[in-house]
N, C-alpha and C. Protein backbone atom coordinates (compact mmCIF):
# COMPACT_ATOMS: atom_id res chain seq x y z
N ASP A 1 -0.93 12.25 -2.80
CA ASP A 1 0.15 12.34 -1.81
C ASP A 1 1.52 12.07 -2.44
N GLY A 2 1.71 12.46 -3.68
CA GLY A 2 3.00 12.32 -4.33
C GLY A 2 3.27 10.97 -4.96
N LYS A 3 2.33 10.04 -4.87
CA LYS A 3 2.52 8.71 -5.45
C LYS A 3 1.89 8.66 -6.84
N PRO A 4 2.68 8.46 -7.89
CA PRO A 4 2.10 8.46 -9.24
C PRO A 4 1.35 7.17 -9.54
N PHE A 5 0.35 7.25 -10.42
CA PHE A 5 -0.29 6.03 -10.90
C PHE A 5 -0.68 6.22 -12.36
N ASP A 6 -1.01 5.10 -12.99
CA ASP A 6 -1.18 5.08 -14.44
C ASP A 6 -2.59 5.48 -14.88
N PHE A 7 -2.67 5.94 -16.11
CA PHE A 7 -3.94 6.18 -16.78
C PHE A 7 -4.09 5.20 -17.94
N ALA A 8 -5.32 4.75 -18.16
CA ALA A 8 -5.61 3.97 -19.36
C ALA A 8 -5.65 4.92 -20.55
N PRO A 9 -5.53 4.40 -21.78
CA PRO A 9 -5.55 5.26 -22.97
C PRO A 9 -6.77 6.17 -23.05
N ASP A 10 -7.92 5.74 -22.49
CA ASP A 10 -9.13 6.57 -22.55
C ASP A 10 -9.22 7.54 -21.38
N GLY A 11 -8.16 7.61 -20.55
CA GLY A 11 -8.15 8.55 -19.44
C GLY A 11 -8.69 7.99 -18.14
N SER A 12 -9.21 6.76 -18.15
CA SER A 12 -9.71 6.15 -16.91
C SER A 12 -8.55 5.76 -16.01
N PHE A 13 -8.83 5.71 -14.73
CA PHE A 13 -7.79 5.27 -13.79
C PHE A 13 -8.44 4.60 -12.59
N PHE A 14 -7.60 3.91 -11.82
CA PHE A 14 -8.04 3.24 -10.61
C PHE A 14 -7.07 3.59 -9.50
N ALA A 15 -7.60 3.91 -8.33
CA ALA A 15 -6.75 4.18 -7.17
C ALA A 15 -7.49 3.69 -5.93
N ALA A 16 -6.75 3.34 -4.90
CA ALA A 16 -7.38 2.78 -3.70
C ALA A 16 -6.52 3.06 -2.48
N PHE A 17 -7.12 2.92 -1.31
CA PHE A 17 -6.43 3.12 -0.04
C PHE A 17 -6.37 1.82 0.74
N ASP A 18 -5.25 1.58 1.41
CA ASP A 18 -5.13 0.36 2.20
C ASP A 18 -5.77 0.53 3.57
N ARG A 19 -5.74 -0.53 4.34
CA ARG A 19 -6.43 -0.57 5.63
C ARG A 19 -6.01 0.55 6.57
N ASP A 20 -4.72 0.84 6.59
CA ASP A 20 -4.20 1.80 7.57
C ASP A 20 -3.94 3.18 6.98
N ALA A 21 -4.65 3.51 5.90
CA ALA A 21 -4.51 4.83 5.30
C ALA A 21 -4.94 5.91 6.29
N GLY A 22 -4.35 7.08 6.16
CA GLY A 22 -4.72 8.20 7.01
C GLY A 22 -6.09 8.75 6.65
N PRO A 23 -6.57 9.76 7.39
CA PRO A 23 -7.93 10.28 7.18
C PRO A 23 -8.08 11.18 5.96
N SER A 24 -6.97 11.55 5.33
CA SER A 24 -7.07 12.44 4.17
C SER A 24 -5.91 12.20 3.22
N ALA A 25 -6.09 12.67 1.99
CA ALA A 25 -5.04 12.58 0.98
C ALA A 25 -5.26 13.71 -0.02
N VAL A 26 -4.20 14.04 -0.75
CA VAL A 26 -4.28 15.09 -1.76
C VAL A 26 -4.08 14.46 -3.13
N LEU A 27 -5.01 14.74 -4.03
CA LEU A 27 -4.92 14.27 -5.42
C LEU A 27 -4.53 15.45 -6.30
N VAL A 28 -3.43 15.30 -7.01
CA VAL A 28 -2.95 16.35 -7.90
C VAL A 28 -2.89 15.81 -9.32
N ALA A 29 -3.57 16.48 -10.23
CA ALA A 29 -3.56 16.09 -11.64
C ALA A 29 -2.88 17.19 -12.46
N THR A 30 -1.91 16.78 -13.27
CA THR A 30 -1.26 17.73 -14.17
C THR A 30 -1.87 17.55 -15.57
N LEU A 31 -2.44 18.60 -16.09
CA LEU A 31 -3.13 18.53 -17.38
C LEU A 31 -2.15 18.74 -18.53
N PRO A 32 -2.55 18.37 -19.76
CA PRO A 32 -1.66 18.56 -20.92
C PRO A 32 -1.17 20.00 -21.07
N SER A 33 -1.96 20.95 -20.61
CA SER A 33 -1.57 22.36 -20.73
C SER A 33 -0.47 22.74 -19.74
N GLY A 34 -0.21 21.86 -18.78
CA GLY A 34 0.78 22.16 -17.75
C GLY A 34 0.17 22.67 -16.46
N SER A 35 -1.11 23.04 -16.50
CA SER A 35 -1.78 23.49 -15.28
C SER A 35 -2.12 22.28 -14.41
N THR A 36 -2.37 22.51 -13.13
CA THR A 36 -2.66 21.43 -12.20
C THR A 36 -4.04 21.62 -11.57
N VAL A 37 -4.65 20.50 -11.24
CA VAL A 37 -5.91 20.47 -10.50
C VAL A 37 -5.64 19.74 -9.19
N VAL A 38 -6.02 20.36 -8.08
CA VAL A 38 -5.76 19.78 -6.76
C VAL A 38 -7.09 19.50 -6.06
N ARG A 39 -7.23 18.30 -5.51
CA ARG A 39 -8.43 17.93 -4.77
C ARG A 39 -8.03 17.31 -3.43
N ASP A 40 -8.65 17.78 -2.37
CA ASP A 40 -8.46 17.17 -1.06
C ASP A 40 -9.47 16.03 -0.90
N LEU A 41 -8.98 14.84 -0.57
CA LEU A 41 -9.83 13.67 -0.44
C LEU A 41 -9.98 13.30 1.04
N THR A 42 -11.20 12.97 1.44
CA THR A 42 -11.45 12.47 2.79
C THR A 42 -11.56 10.95 2.73
N VAL A 43 -10.77 10.26 3.54
CA VAL A 43 -10.78 8.80 3.57
C VAL A 43 -11.65 8.36 4.75
N ALA A 44 -12.77 7.73 4.44
CA ALA A 44 -13.71 7.33 5.50
C ALA A 44 -13.14 6.17 6.32
N PRO A 45 -13.25 6.24 7.64
CA PRO A 45 -12.74 5.14 8.48
C PRO A 45 -13.64 3.92 8.40
N ARG A 46 -13.09 2.76 8.71
CA ARG A 46 -13.85 1.51 8.77
C ARG A 46 -13.80 0.97 10.20
N ALA A 47 -14.82 0.25 10.59
CA ALA A 47 -14.85 -0.40 11.90
C ALA A 47 -14.31 -1.81 11.75
N TRP A 48 -13.01 -1.97 11.91
CA TRP A 48 -12.38 -3.27 11.74
C TRP A 48 -12.71 -4.18 12.93
N GLN A 49 -12.65 -5.48 12.69
CA GLN A 49 -12.92 -6.46 13.74
C GLN A 49 -11.67 -6.59 14.61
N ILE A 50 -11.68 -5.89 15.75
CA ILE A 50 -10.53 -5.87 16.66
C ILE A 50 -10.87 -6.65 17.92
N GLU A 51 -10.00 -7.58 18.29
CA GLU A 51 -10.21 -8.41 19.48
C GLU A 51 -9.07 -8.14 20.47
N THR A 52 -9.43 -7.76 21.70
CA THR A 52 -8.44 -7.55 22.74
C THR A 52 -8.36 -8.79 23.61
N VAL A 53 -7.15 -9.33 23.75
CA VAL A 53 -6.96 -10.56 24.54
C VAL A 53 -5.94 -10.30 25.64
N ASP A 54 -6.21 -10.86 26.83
CA ASP A 54 -5.35 -10.62 28.00
C ASP A 54 -4.25 -11.65 28.08
N VAL A 55 -3.50 -11.78 27.01
CA VAL A 55 -2.33 -12.65 26.97
C VAL A 55 -1.21 -11.91 26.25
N PRO A 56 0.04 -12.21 26.57
CA PRO A 56 1.14 -11.51 25.90
C PRO A 56 1.31 -11.97 24.46
N LEU A 57 1.82 -11.09 23.63
CA LEU A 57 2.12 -11.43 22.24
C LEU A 57 3.36 -12.31 22.21
N LYS A 58 3.22 -13.49 21.63
CA LYS A 58 4.35 -14.41 21.51
C LYS A 58 5.03 -14.20 20.16
N VAL A 59 6.30 -13.92 20.22
CA VAL A 59 7.07 -13.71 18.99
C VAL A 59 7.86 -14.98 18.69
N HIS A 60 7.52 -15.58 17.56
CA HIS A 60 8.21 -16.81 17.15
C HIS A 60 9.25 -16.45 16.09
N LEU A 61 10.51 -16.61 16.42
CA LEU A 61 11.57 -16.31 15.46
C LEU A 61 11.72 -17.49 14.51
N PRO A 62 11.64 -17.23 13.21
CA PRO A 62 11.76 -18.33 12.24
C PRO A 62 13.16 -18.92 12.25
N SER A 63 13.22 -20.21 12.00
CA SER A 63 14.51 -20.89 11.97
C SER A 63 15.26 -20.55 10.69
N ALA A 64 16.55 -20.78 10.71
CA ALA A 64 17.38 -20.54 9.53
C ALA A 64 16.93 -21.41 8.37
N GLU A 65 16.50 -22.64 8.69
CA GLU A 65 16.02 -23.56 7.65
C GLU A 65 14.76 -23.01 6.99
N PHE A 66 13.83 -22.49 7.82
CA PHE A 66 12.60 -21.92 7.28
C PHE A 66 12.91 -20.72 6.39
N MET A 67 13.77 -19.82 6.85
CA MET A 67 14.09 -18.61 6.09
C MET A 67 14.79 -18.95 4.78
N ALA A 68 15.57 -20.03 4.78
CA ALA A 68 16.24 -20.45 3.54
C ALA A 68 15.21 -20.82 2.47
N ARG A 69 14.08 -21.38 2.91
CA ARG A 69 13.01 -21.72 1.98
C ARG A 69 12.14 -20.51 1.68
N ARG A 70 11.94 -19.65 2.70
CA ARG A 70 10.98 -18.56 2.57
C ARG A 70 11.49 -17.41 1.70
N LYS A 71 12.77 -17.11 1.79
CA LYS A 71 13.32 -15.96 1.07
C LYS A 71 13.05 -16.04 -0.44
N PRO A 72 13.36 -17.16 -1.11
CA PRO A 72 13.08 -17.20 -2.56
C PRO A 72 11.59 -17.16 -2.89
N GLU A 73 10.74 -17.64 -1.96
CA GLU A 73 9.29 -17.54 -2.19
C GLU A 73 8.85 -16.08 -2.19
N LEU A 74 9.32 -15.32 -1.21
CA LEU A 74 8.97 -13.90 -1.14
C LEU A 74 9.51 -13.14 -2.35
N GLU A 75 10.69 -13.55 -2.83
CA GLU A 75 11.25 -12.90 -4.01
C GLU A 75 10.37 -13.17 -5.24
N GLN A 76 9.86 -14.39 -5.37
CA GLN A 76 8.97 -14.71 -6.49
C GLN A 76 7.70 -13.88 -6.43
N ILE A 77 7.14 -13.72 -5.23
CA ILE A 77 5.92 -12.92 -5.06
C ILE A 77 6.19 -11.47 -5.43
N GLY A 78 7.35 -10.96 -5.00
CA GLY A 78 7.71 -9.58 -5.33
C GLY A 78 7.88 -9.35 -6.82
N VAL A 79 8.52 -10.29 -7.50
CA VAL A 79 8.70 -10.19 -8.95
C VAL A 79 7.34 -10.23 -9.65
N ALA A 80 6.46 -11.12 -9.20
CA ALA A 80 5.13 -11.24 -9.82
C ALA A 80 4.34 -9.95 -9.68
N ARG A 81 4.38 -9.34 -8.49
CA ARG A 81 3.59 -8.13 -8.26
C ARG A 81 4.14 -6.94 -9.05
N ALA A 82 5.37 -7.02 -9.48
CA ALA A 82 5.95 -5.93 -10.27
C ALA A 82 5.60 -6.04 -11.75
N LEU A 83 5.03 -7.17 -12.16
CA LEU A 83 4.68 -7.36 -13.56
C LEU A 83 3.48 -6.49 -13.93
N LYS A 84 3.45 -6.02 -15.16
CA LYS A 84 2.33 -5.24 -15.66
C LYS A 84 1.71 -5.97 -16.85
N SER A 85 0.39 -6.03 -16.87
CA SER A 85 -0.30 -6.65 -18.00
C SER A 85 -1.28 -5.64 -18.59
N ASP A 86 -1.80 -5.99 -19.77
CA ASP A 86 -2.77 -5.12 -20.43
C ASP A 86 -4.20 -5.52 -20.09
N SER A 87 -4.39 -6.32 -19.04
CA SER A 87 -5.72 -6.78 -18.69
C SER A 87 -6.64 -5.60 -18.36
N GLN A 88 -7.91 -5.76 -18.71
CA GLN A 88 -8.91 -4.75 -18.41
C GLN A 88 -9.84 -5.18 -17.27
N GLY A 89 -9.42 -6.23 -16.55
CA GLY A 89 -10.26 -6.74 -15.47
C GLY A 89 -10.55 -5.71 -14.39
N TRP A 90 -9.64 -4.77 -14.19
CA TRP A 90 -9.83 -3.74 -13.15
C TRP A 90 -11.08 -2.90 -13.40
N ARG A 91 -11.57 -2.88 -14.64
CA ARG A 91 -12.77 -2.11 -14.97
C ARG A 91 -14.06 -2.83 -14.57
N GLN A 92 -13.99 -4.12 -14.33
CA GLN A 92 -15.20 -4.92 -14.14
C GLN A 92 -15.73 -4.84 -12.71
N HIS A 93 -17.00 -5.19 -12.56
CA HIS A 93 -17.56 -5.41 -11.23
C HIS A 93 -17.16 -6.83 -10.82
N PHE A 94 -16.29 -6.93 -9.81
CA PHE A 94 -15.77 -8.24 -9.42
C PHE A 94 -16.88 -9.13 -8.87
N ILE A 95 -16.74 -10.43 -9.11
CA ILE A 95 -17.68 -11.42 -8.58
C ILE A 95 -16.95 -12.27 -7.53
N TRP A 96 -17.71 -12.99 -6.71
CA TRP A 96 -17.12 -13.88 -5.72
C TRP A 96 -16.44 -15.05 -6.44
N PRO A 97 -15.20 -15.41 -6.07
CA PRO A 97 -14.56 -16.57 -6.69
C PRO A 97 -15.23 -17.88 -6.29
N VAL A 98 -15.83 -17.90 -5.08
CA VAL A 98 -16.54 -19.09 -4.60
C VAL A 98 -17.49 -18.64 -3.50
N LYS A 99 -18.57 -19.38 -3.30
CA LYS A 99 -19.50 -19.07 -2.23
C LYS A 99 -19.21 -19.98 -1.03
N GLY A 100 -19.37 -19.43 0.15
CA GLY A 100 -19.13 -20.20 1.35
C GLY A 100 -19.21 -19.32 2.59
N ARG A 101 -18.95 -19.92 3.73
CA ARG A 101 -18.96 -19.18 4.99
C ARG A 101 -17.72 -18.30 5.10
N ILE A 102 -17.90 -17.04 5.48
CA ILE A 102 -16.75 -16.15 5.68
C ILE A 102 -16.13 -16.49 7.03
N SER A 103 -14.98 -17.15 7.00
CA SER A 103 -14.34 -17.61 8.24
C SER A 103 -13.23 -16.67 8.69
N GLY A 104 -12.89 -15.70 7.88
CA GLY A 104 -11.86 -14.73 8.25
C GLY A 104 -12.10 -13.41 7.55
N GLN A 105 -12.24 -12.33 8.32
CA GLN A 105 -12.53 -11.01 7.77
C GLN A 105 -11.24 -10.26 7.45
N PHE A 106 -11.26 -9.51 6.36
CA PHE A 106 -10.14 -8.63 6.05
C PHE A 106 -10.01 -7.58 7.17
N GLY A 107 -8.78 -7.32 7.57
CA GLY A 107 -8.52 -6.27 8.55
C GLY A 107 -8.66 -6.67 9.98
N SER A 108 -9.15 -7.89 10.26
CA SER A 108 -9.31 -8.31 11.65
C SER A 108 -7.94 -8.41 12.32
N GLN A 109 -7.91 -8.14 13.62
CA GLN A 109 -6.62 -8.02 14.31
C GLN A 109 -6.80 -8.27 15.80
N ARG A 110 -5.75 -8.77 16.43
CA ARG A 110 -5.75 -8.96 17.88
C ARG A 110 -4.83 -7.94 18.53
N ILE A 111 -5.30 -7.42 19.66
CA ILE A 111 -4.49 -6.54 20.50
C ILE A 111 -4.15 -7.32 21.76
N TYR A 112 -2.87 -7.48 22.03
CA TYR A 112 -2.42 -8.30 23.15
C TYR A 112 -2.14 -7.46 24.39
N ARG A 113 -1.89 -8.15 25.49
CA ARG A 113 -1.59 -7.48 26.75
C ARG A 113 -0.45 -6.47 26.54
N GLY A 114 -0.66 -5.28 27.09
CA GLY A 114 0.34 -4.22 26.93
C GLY A 114 0.13 -3.40 25.68
N GLY A 115 -0.92 -3.70 24.93
CA GLY A 115 -1.22 -2.91 23.73
C GLY A 115 -0.47 -3.36 22.49
N GLU A 116 0.26 -4.46 22.57
CA GLU A 116 0.99 -4.96 21.40
C GLU A 116 0.00 -5.45 20.34
N LYS A 117 0.22 -5.05 19.10
CA LYS A 117 -0.70 -5.41 18.03
C LYS A 117 -0.15 -6.58 17.20
N GLY A 118 -1.00 -7.56 16.98
CA GLY A 118 -0.64 -8.62 16.05
C GLY A 118 -0.86 -8.13 14.62
N SER A 119 -0.35 -8.85 13.66
CA SER A 119 -0.55 -8.45 12.27
C SER A 119 -2.02 -8.66 11.89
N TYR A 120 -2.55 -7.77 11.04
CA TYR A 120 -3.95 -7.90 10.67
C TYR A 120 -4.12 -8.89 9.51
N HIS A 121 -5.33 -9.41 9.37
CA HIS A 121 -5.63 -10.39 8.33
C HIS A 121 -5.70 -9.67 6.99
N SER A 122 -4.88 -10.10 6.05
CA SER A 122 -4.67 -9.34 4.82
C SER A 122 -5.61 -9.72 3.68
N GLY A 123 -6.52 -10.65 3.93
CA GLY A 123 -7.46 -11.04 2.89
C GLY A 123 -8.78 -11.46 3.49
N ILE A 124 -9.56 -12.19 2.72
CA ILE A 124 -10.82 -12.72 3.23
C ILE A 124 -10.79 -14.22 3.04
N ASP A 125 -11.22 -14.96 4.07
CA ASP A 125 -11.24 -16.42 4.03
C ASP A 125 -12.65 -16.90 3.76
N ILE A 126 -12.79 -17.76 2.75
CA ILE A 126 -14.08 -18.32 2.38
C ILE A 126 -14.00 -19.83 2.58
N ALA A 127 -14.74 -20.33 3.59
CA ALA A 127 -14.70 -21.76 3.91
C ALA A 127 -15.80 -22.48 3.15
N THR A 128 -15.42 -23.55 2.47
CA THR A 128 -16.39 -24.31 1.67
C THR A 128 -16.73 -25.65 2.30
N GLY A 129 -16.04 -26.02 3.37
CA GLY A 129 -16.34 -27.27 4.06
C GLY A 129 -15.53 -28.45 3.56
N THR A 130 -15.25 -28.49 2.27
CA THR A 130 -14.49 -29.60 1.70
C THR A 130 -13.45 -29.08 0.71
N SER A 131 -12.40 -29.84 0.55
CA SER A 131 -11.41 -29.53 -0.47
C SER A 131 -11.95 -29.95 -1.84
N GLY A 132 -11.42 -29.32 -2.86
CA GLY A 132 -11.78 -29.70 -4.23
C GLY A 132 -12.89 -28.89 -4.83
N THR A 133 -13.48 -27.94 -4.06
CA THR A 133 -14.52 -27.08 -4.62
C THR A 133 -13.89 -26.13 -5.64
N PRO A 134 -14.40 -26.04 -6.86
CA PRO A 134 -13.80 -25.14 -7.84
C PRO A 134 -14.05 -23.68 -7.49
N PHE A 135 -13.08 -22.83 -7.80
CA PHE A 135 -13.29 -21.39 -7.68
C PHE A 135 -12.94 -20.73 -9.01
N VAL A 136 -13.51 -19.53 -9.22
CA VAL A 136 -13.41 -18.89 -10.53
C VAL A 136 -12.68 -17.55 -10.42
N ALA A 137 -12.29 -17.02 -11.56
CA ALA A 137 -11.66 -15.71 -11.60
C ALA A 137 -12.70 -14.64 -11.28
N PRO A 138 -12.44 -13.76 -10.31
CA PRO A 138 -13.40 -12.71 -9.97
C PRO A 138 -13.50 -11.64 -11.05
N ALA A 139 -12.48 -11.56 -11.90
CA ALA A 139 -12.46 -10.62 -13.01
C ALA A 139 -11.43 -11.12 -14.02
N ASP A 140 -11.44 -10.55 -15.23
CA ASP A 140 -10.44 -10.90 -16.23
C ASP A 140 -9.04 -10.63 -15.68
N GLY A 141 -8.06 -11.37 -16.17
CA GLY A 141 -6.70 -11.13 -15.73
C GLY A 141 -5.68 -12.01 -16.42
N VAL A 142 -4.44 -11.85 -16.03
CA VAL A 142 -3.32 -12.63 -16.56
C VAL A 142 -2.62 -13.31 -15.38
N VAL A 143 -2.36 -14.59 -15.51
CA VAL A 143 -1.70 -15.34 -14.43
C VAL A 143 -0.24 -14.89 -14.33
N ILE A 144 0.14 -14.39 -13.14
CA ILE A 144 1.50 -13.89 -12.94
C ILE A 144 2.33 -14.76 -12.00
N LEU A 145 1.69 -15.72 -11.34
CA LEU A 145 2.44 -16.64 -10.47
C LEU A 145 1.62 -17.88 -10.19
N VAL A 146 2.27 -19.03 -10.34
CA VAL A 146 1.73 -20.31 -9.87
C VAL A 146 2.85 -20.96 -9.07
N ALA A 147 2.65 -21.09 -7.76
CA ALA A 147 3.72 -21.63 -6.90
C ALA A 147 4.00 -23.08 -7.24
N ASN A 148 5.25 -23.36 -7.54
CA ASN A 148 5.66 -24.73 -7.85
C ASN A 148 7.12 -24.91 -7.45
N PRO A 149 7.42 -25.68 -6.39
CA PRO A 149 6.49 -26.45 -5.56
C PRO A 149 5.67 -25.54 -4.65
N PRO A 150 4.68 -26.10 -3.91
CA PRO A 150 3.86 -25.27 -3.02
C PRO A 150 4.72 -24.48 -2.03
N PHE A 151 4.30 -23.25 -1.74
CA PHE A 151 5.03 -22.39 -0.81
C PHE A 151 4.76 -22.81 0.63
N THR A 152 5.67 -22.44 1.52
CA THR A 152 5.61 -22.88 2.91
C THR A 152 4.34 -22.41 3.62
N LEU A 153 3.95 -21.16 3.42
CA LEU A 153 2.78 -20.60 4.10
C LEU A 153 1.54 -20.64 3.22
N GLU A 154 1.68 -20.21 1.97
CA GLU A 154 0.52 -20.08 1.07
C GLU A 154 0.10 -21.41 0.44
N GLY A 155 0.98 -22.42 0.48
CA GLY A 155 0.69 -23.67 -0.20
C GLY A 155 0.66 -23.45 -1.70
N ASN A 156 -0.31 -24.06 -2.38
CA ASN A 156 -0.48 -23.82 -3.81
C ASN A 156 -1.06 -22.43 -4.00
N LEU A 157 -0.21 -21.52 -4.43
CA LEU A 157 -0.56 -20.10 -4.55
C LEU A 157 -0.75 -19.74 -6.02
N LEU A 158 -1.84 -19.02 -6.30
CA LEU A 158 -2.13 -18.53 -7.64
C LEU A 158 -2.31 -17.02 -7.56
N MET A 159 -1.64 -16.28 -8.44
CA MET A 159 -1.78 -14.83 -8.49
C MET A 159 -2.17 -14.40 -9.90
N ILE A 160 -3.12 -13.46 -9.95
CA ILE A 160 -3.63 -12.95 -11.23
C ILE A 160 -3.56 -11.43 -11.23
N ASP A 161 -3.04 -10.86 -12.32
CA ASP A 161 -3.01 -9.41 -12.48
C ASP A 161 -4.23 -8.97 -13.26
N HIS A 162 -4.95 -7.97 -12.72
CA HIS A 162 -6.16 -7.45 -13.37
C HIS A 162 -5.89 -6.16 -14.14
N GLY A 163 -4.63 -5.75 -14.22
CA GLY A 163 -4.28 -4.52 -14.90
C GLY A 163 -4.26 -3.32 -13.97
N MET A 164 -3.56 -2.28 -14.37
CA MET A 164 -3.47 -1.02 -13.63
C MET A 164 -2.91 -1.21 -12.22
N GLY A 165 -2.09 -2.25 -12.02
CA GLY A 165 -1.47 -2.48 -10.73
C GLY A 165 -2.31 -3.24 -9.73
N LEU A 166 -3.49 -3.71 -10.14
CA LEU A 166 -4.40 -4.43 -9.24
C LEU A 166 -4.25 -5.93 -9.45
N ASN A 167 -3.98 -6.68 -8.39
CA ASN A 167 -3.86 -8.12 -8.54
C ASN A 167 -4.51 -8.88 -7.40
N SER A 168 -4.90 -10.12 -7.71
CA SER A 168 -5.52 -11.04 -6.76
C SER A 168 -4.56 -12.16 -6.44
N ALA A 169 -4.63 -12.64 -5.19
CA ALA A 169 -3.88 -13.84 -4.80
C ALA A 169 -4.86 -14.82 -4.17
N PHE A 170 -4.70 -16.10 -4.51
CA PHE A 170 -5.56 -17.17 -4.00
C PHE A 170 -4.66 -18.20 -3.33
N LEU A 171 -4.85 -18.41 -2.03
CA LEU A 171 -3.95 -19.23 -1.24
C LEU A 171 -4.59 -20.58 -0.87
N HIS A 172 -3.72 -21.55 -0.56
CA HIS A 172 -4.09 -22.85 0.00
C HIS A 172 -4.83 -23.75 -0.99
N CYS A 173 -4.71 -23.49 -2.28
CA CYS A 173 -5.43 -24.29 -3.29
C CYS A 173 -5.03 -25.76 -3.21
N SER A 174 -6.01 -26.65 -3.48
CA SER A 174 -5.66 -28.06 -3.62
C SER A 174 -5.03 -28.30 -4.98
N GLU A 175 -5.53 -27.57 -5.99
CA GLU A 175 -4.98 -27.62 -7.34
C GLU A 175 -5.16 -26.26 -8.00
N VAL A 176 -4.27 -25.97 -8.95
CA VAL A 176 -4.39 -24.77 -9.79
C VAL A 176 -4.63 -25.24 -11.21
N ASP A 177 -5.62 -24.65 -11.87
CA ASP A 177 -6.06 -25.15 -13.17
C ASP A 177 -5.58 -24.29 -14.34
N VAL A 178 -4.66 -23.37 -14.07
CA VAL A 178 -4.12 -22.50 -15.12
C VAL A 178 -2.60 -22.47 -14.98
N LYS A 179 -1.95 -21.87 -15.97
CA LYS A 179 -0.49 -21.82 -15.93
C LYS A 179 -0.01 -20.38 -16.12
N LEU A 180 1.24 -20.16 -15.81
CA LEU A 180 1.83 -18.83 -15.90
C LEU A 180 1.65 -18.24 -17.30
N GLY A 181 1.17 -17.00 -17.35
CA GLY A 181 0.97 -16.31 -18.62
C GLY A 181 -0.40 -16.47 -19.22
N ASP A 182 -1.22 -17.37 -18.68
CA ASP A 182 -2.57 -17.56 -19.22
C ASP A 182 -3.42 -16.30 -19.04
N HIS A 183 -4.24 -16.00 -20.03
CA HIS A 183 -5.25 -14.95 -19.91
C HIS A 183 -6.55 -15.63 -19.48
N VAL A 184 -7.12 -15.19 -18.38
CA VAL A 184 -8.33 -15.81 -17.86
C VAL A 184 -9.49 -14.82 -17.93
N LYS A 185 -10.69 -15.36 -18.04
CA LYS A 185 -11.90 -14.54 -18.14
C LYS A 185 -12.69 -14.64 -16.84
N GLN A 186 -13.42 -13.58 -16.54
CA GLN A 186 -14.26 -13.56 -15.36
C GLN A 186 -15.22 -14.76 -15.38
N GLY A 187 -15.27 -15.49 -14.24
CA GLY A 187 -16.14 -16.65 -14.15
C GLY A 187 -15.51 -17.96 -14.57
N GLN A 188 -14.30 -17.91 -15.13
CA GLN A 188 -13.59 -19.12 -15.56
C GLN A 188 -13.03 -19.86 -14.34
N VAL A 189 -13.18 -21.18 -14.30
CA VAL A 189 -12.59 -21.97 -13.22
C VAL A 189 -11.07 -21.89 -13.33
N ILE A 190 -10.42 -21.49 -12.23
CA ILE A 190 -8.97 -21.32 -12.25
C ILE A 190 -8.26 -22.19 -11.22
N GLY A 191 -9.02 -22.81 -10.30
CA GLY A 191 -8.40 -23.65 -9.30
C GLY A 191 -9.44 -24.29 -8.40
N TYR A 192 -8.93 -24.98 -7.36
CA TYR A 192 -9.80 -25.73 -6.46
C TYR A 192 -9.39 -25.45 -5.02
N VAL A 193 -10.39 -25.25 -4.18
CA VAL A 193 -10.17 -24.92 -2.77
C VAL A 193 -9.45 -26.07 -2.08
N GLY A 194 -8.52 -25.73 -1.18
CA GLY A 194 -7.80 -26.76 -0.45
C GLY A 194 -7.33 -26.28 0.91
N MET A 195 -6.33 -26.95 1.44
CA MET A 195 -5.75 -26.57 2.73
C MET A 195 -4.24 -26.80 2.71
N THR A 196 -3.62 -26.52 1.56
CA THR A 196 -2.17 -26.64 1.46
C THR A 196 -1.50 -25.46 2.16
N GLY A 197 -0.24 -25.63 2.51
CA GLY A 197 0.47 -24.58 3.24
C GLY A 197 0.01 -24.53 4.69
N ARG A 198 0.04 -23.36 5.29
CA ARG A 198 -0.34 -23.20 6.69
C ARG A 198 -1.84 -22.90 6.76
N ALA A 199 -2.64 -23.94 6.81
CA ALA A 199 -4.10 -23.82 6.87
C ALA A 199 -4.63 -24.91 7.78
N THR A 200 -5.65 -24.59 8.56
CA THR A 200 -6.21 -25.56 9.51
C THR A 200 -7.45 -26.25 8.97
N GLY A 201 -7.93 -25.82 7.82
CA GLY A 201 -9.09 -26.44 7.20
C GLY A 201 -9.23 -25.95 5.79
N PRO A 202 -10.05 -26.62 4.98
CA PRO A 202 -10.20 -26.20 3.58
C PRO A 202 -10.89 -24.85 3.47
N HIS A 203 -10.24 -23.91 2.85
CA HIS A 203 -10.82 -22.58 2.61
C HIS A 203 -10.01 -21.88 1.53
N LEU A 204 -10.61 -20.85 0.96
CA LEU A 204 -9.91 -20.02 -0.02
C LEU A 204 -9.59 -18.68 0.64
N HIS A 205 -8.31 -18.37 0.73
CA HIS A 205 -7.89 -17.04 1.18
C HIS A 205 -7.69 -16.20 -0.08
N TRP A 206 -8.51 -15.15 -0.20
CA TRP A 206 -8.45 -14.27 -1.38
C TRP A 206 -7.99 -12.90 -0.91
N SER A 207 -6.91 -12.42 -1.50
CA SER A 207 -6.42 -11.08 -1.16
C SER A 207 -6.28 -10.25 -2.42
N LEU A 208 -6.43 -8.94 -2.25
CA LEU A 208 -6.31 -7.98 -3.34
C LEU A 208 -5.26 -6.95 -2.97
N MET A 209 -4.42 -6.57 -3.94
CA MET A 209 -3.41 -5.55 -3.68
C MET A 209 -3.32 -4.61 -4.88
N TRP A 210 -3.13 -3.33 -4.58
CA TRP A 210 -2.91 -2.32 -5.61
C TRP A 210 -1.67 -1.52 -5.25
N HIS A 211 -0.59 -1.73 -6.02
CA HIS A 211 0.67 -1.01 -5.80
C HIS A 211 1.07 -0.98 -4.33
N GLY A 212 1.05 -2.14 -3.68
CA GLY A 212 1.49 -2.24 -2.30
C GLY A 212 0.40 -1.98 -1.28
N ALA A 213 -0.76 -1.50 -1.69
CA ALA A 213 -1.87 -1.25 -0.76
C ALA A 213 -2.76 -2.49 -0.71
N ARG A 214 -2.96 -3.01 0.49
CA ARG A 214 -3.82 -4.18 0.66
C ARG A 214 -5.27 -3.72 0.75
N LEU A 215 -6.13 -4.31 -0.08
CA LEU A 215 -7.53 -3.90 -0.17
C LEU A 215 -8.45 -4.99 0.33
N ASP A 216 -9.64 -4.59 0.76
CA ASP A 216 -10.65 -5.55 1.21
C ASP A 216 -11.41 -6.06 -0.02
N PRO A 217 -11.25 -7.36 -0.34
CA PRO A 217 -11.96 -7.88 -1.51
C PRO A 217 -13.48 -7.66 -1.45
């Protein structure tokens, strides 16, 4: 659909669709000869966890004090996601960073009275019951952000780039066990589950993003 993406030196590539992608897309490849190959792609729908509630959507306007803190945090996240690394983690079969009860599904959303839609859940929540449970890197990567001090919403936030524009974010950590620029290996302990930031209990919120598209881990 006109959005370019990178190729690895061996010609491999990775591409993905976010939650609200349309039902189809066009893939166009330009070959070294200058000729093009066009493929129509069908995007299969998912049955997201949608809850309809008979109450109005309450809009809470953030205070000026909150926005003064939040703006530089969002800028740091944006800068981190723009970084490119040579990690090959995107090629791997990802593993679970931690085992536990799934307390929040990716894509879940509430529909309020009048059809107003709340924002959907952008990651998956894994509840471990207690803080301090170690979690590991789901794939190889390079650390592109460690929130210091803790962010207002995410708390102790850790972000890892897996290469080719694919990155993971781990929210609400009690501690982060790596530092900016570290190369981490799949299965390596990188932090500990917590409830820092805006969290009601100890859990790991894990989100995946590829060039602005939010993916279901």
